[in-house]
C-alpha atoms as a PDB file:
ATOM      1  CA  MET A   1     118.568 137.793 132.022  1.00  0.00           C
ATOM      2  CA  ASN A   2     120.954 136.364 133.971  1.00  0.00           C
ATOM      3  CA  ASN A   3     122.598 132.985 133.112  1.00  0.00           C
ATOM      4  CA  ASN A   4     120.800 130.915 135.539  1.00  0.00           C
ATOM      5  CA  MET A   5     117.392 131.606 133.149  1.00  0.00           C
ATOM      6  CA  ILE A   6     119.195 130.711 130.061  1.00  0.00           C
ATOM      7  CA  ASN A   7     120.579 127.949 131.069  1.00  0.00           C
ATOM      8  CA  LYS A   8     116.986 126.506 132.266  1.00  0.00           C
ATOM      9  CA  ARG A   9     115.412 127.699 128.973  1.00  0.00           C
ATOM     10  CA  SER A  10     118.266 125.541 127.003  1.00  0.00           C
ATOM     11  CA  ASP A  11     117.648 122.831 129.186  1.00  0.00           C
ATOM     12  CA  LYS A  12     113.575 122.975 128.891  1.00  0.00           C
ATOM     13  CA  SER A  13     114.555 123.130 124.831  1.00  0.00           C
ATOM     14  CA  ASP A  14     117.039 120.531 125.017  1.00  0.00           C
ATOM     15  CA  LYS A  15     114.479 117.916 126.719  1.00  0.00           C
ATOM     16  CA  MET A  16     111.712 118.846 124.282  1.00  0.00           C
ATOM     17  CA  THR A  17     113.975 118.282 121.456  1.00  0.00           C
ATOM     18  CA  ILE A  18     114.872 114.752 122.483  1.00  0.00           C
ATOM     19  CA  ASP A  19     111.417 114.293 123.420  1.00  0.00           C
ATOM     20  CA  LYS A  20     110.572 114.709 119.928  1.00  0.00           C
ATOM     21  CA  LEU A  21     113.962 112.773 118.900  1.00  0.00           C
ATOM     22  CA  ALA A  22     111.998 109.833 120.975  1.00  0.00           C
ATOM     23  CA  ILE A  23     108.980 109.934 119.472  1.00  0.00           C
ATOM     24  CA  MET A  24     110.262 109.954 115.679  1.00  0.00           C
ATOM     25  CA  VAL A  25     112.369 106.924 116.592  1.00  0.00           C
ATOM     26  CA  ALA A  26     109.356 104.932 118.442  1.00  0.00           C
ATOM     27  CA  ASN A  27     107.312 106.592 115.026  1.00  0.00           C
ATOM     28  CA  GLY A  28     110.150 104.796 112.894  1.00  0.00           C
ATOM     29  CA  PHE A  29     110.405 101.303 114.503  1.00  0.00           C
ATOM     30  CA  GLU A  30     106.550 101.343 114.636  1.00  0.00           C
ATOM     31  CA  GLU A  31     106.323 101.762 110.902  1.00  0.00           C
ATOM     32  CA  ALA A  32     109.709  99.205 110.345  1.00  0.00           C
ATOM     33  CA  SER A  33     107.561  96.644 112.076  1.00  0.00           C
ATOM     34  CA  ARG A  34     104.555  97.477 110.099  1.00  0.00           C
ATOM     35  CA  ASN A  35     107.032  96.907 107.006  1.00  0.00           C
ATOM     36  CA  LEU A  36     108.020  93.696 108.477  1.00  0.00           C
ATOM     37  CA  ALA A  37     104.671  92.245 108.980  1.00  0.00           C
ATOM     38  CA  LYS A  38     104.266  93.089 105.342  1.00  0.00           C
ATOM     39  CA  VAL A  39     106.956  91.205 104.547  1.00  0.00           C
ATOM     40  CA  GLU A  40     106.360  88.163 106.391  1.00  0.00           C
ATOM     41  CA  ASN A  41     102.881  87.989 104.828  1.00  0.00           C
ATOM     42  CA  ASN A  42     104.038  88.067 101.390  1.00  0.00           C
ATOM     43  CA  LEU A  43     106.573  85.636 102.170  1.00  0.00           C
ATOM     44  CA  LEU A  44     103.663  83.518 103.446  1.00  0.00           C
ATOM     45  CA  TYR A  45     101.848  84.092 100.724  1.00  0.00           C
ATOM     46  CA  HIS A  46     104.317  82.721  97.631  1.00  0.00           C
ATOM     47  CA  ILE A  47     105.544  79.830  99.943  1.00  0.00           C
ATOM     48  CA  GLY A  48     102.363  78.111 100.239  1.00  0.00           C
ATOM     49  CA  ASP A  49     101.477  79.577  96.647  1.00  0.00           C
ATOM     50  CA  LEU A  50     104.821  77.356  95.613  1.00  0.00           C
ATOM     51  CA  ASP A  51     104.123  74.756  98.097  1.00  0.00           C
ATOM     52  CA  ARG A  52     100.599  74.615  96.007  1.00  0.00           C
ATOM     53  CA  ARG A  53     102.473  74.530  92.614  1.00  0.00           C
ATOM     54  CA  LEU A  54     104.869  71.739  93.627  1.00  0.00           C
ATOM     55  CA  ASP A  55     101.689  69.526  94.893  1.00  0.00           C
ATOM     56  CA  VAL A  56     100.552  70.079  91.119  1.00  0.00           C
ATOM     57  CA  ILE A  57     103.537  68.611  89.904  1.00  0.00           C
ATOM     58  CA  CYS A  58     104.723  66.075  92.291  1.00  0.00           C
ATOM     59  CA  LEU A  59     100.862  64.394  91.358  1.00  0.00           C
END
């Protein structure tokens, strides 16, 4: 096997590794986005709950 064939195989392997890494990073951002949406929903729920409690206290 000559050096040119080895280099082509290595380049293809590196590209597949980079592609897999890019997919993993994208999936991580997608999961982080979903988690942030859950946090936002929880915060909005608790803010609404506190607002209702303040309304009761102020009556």
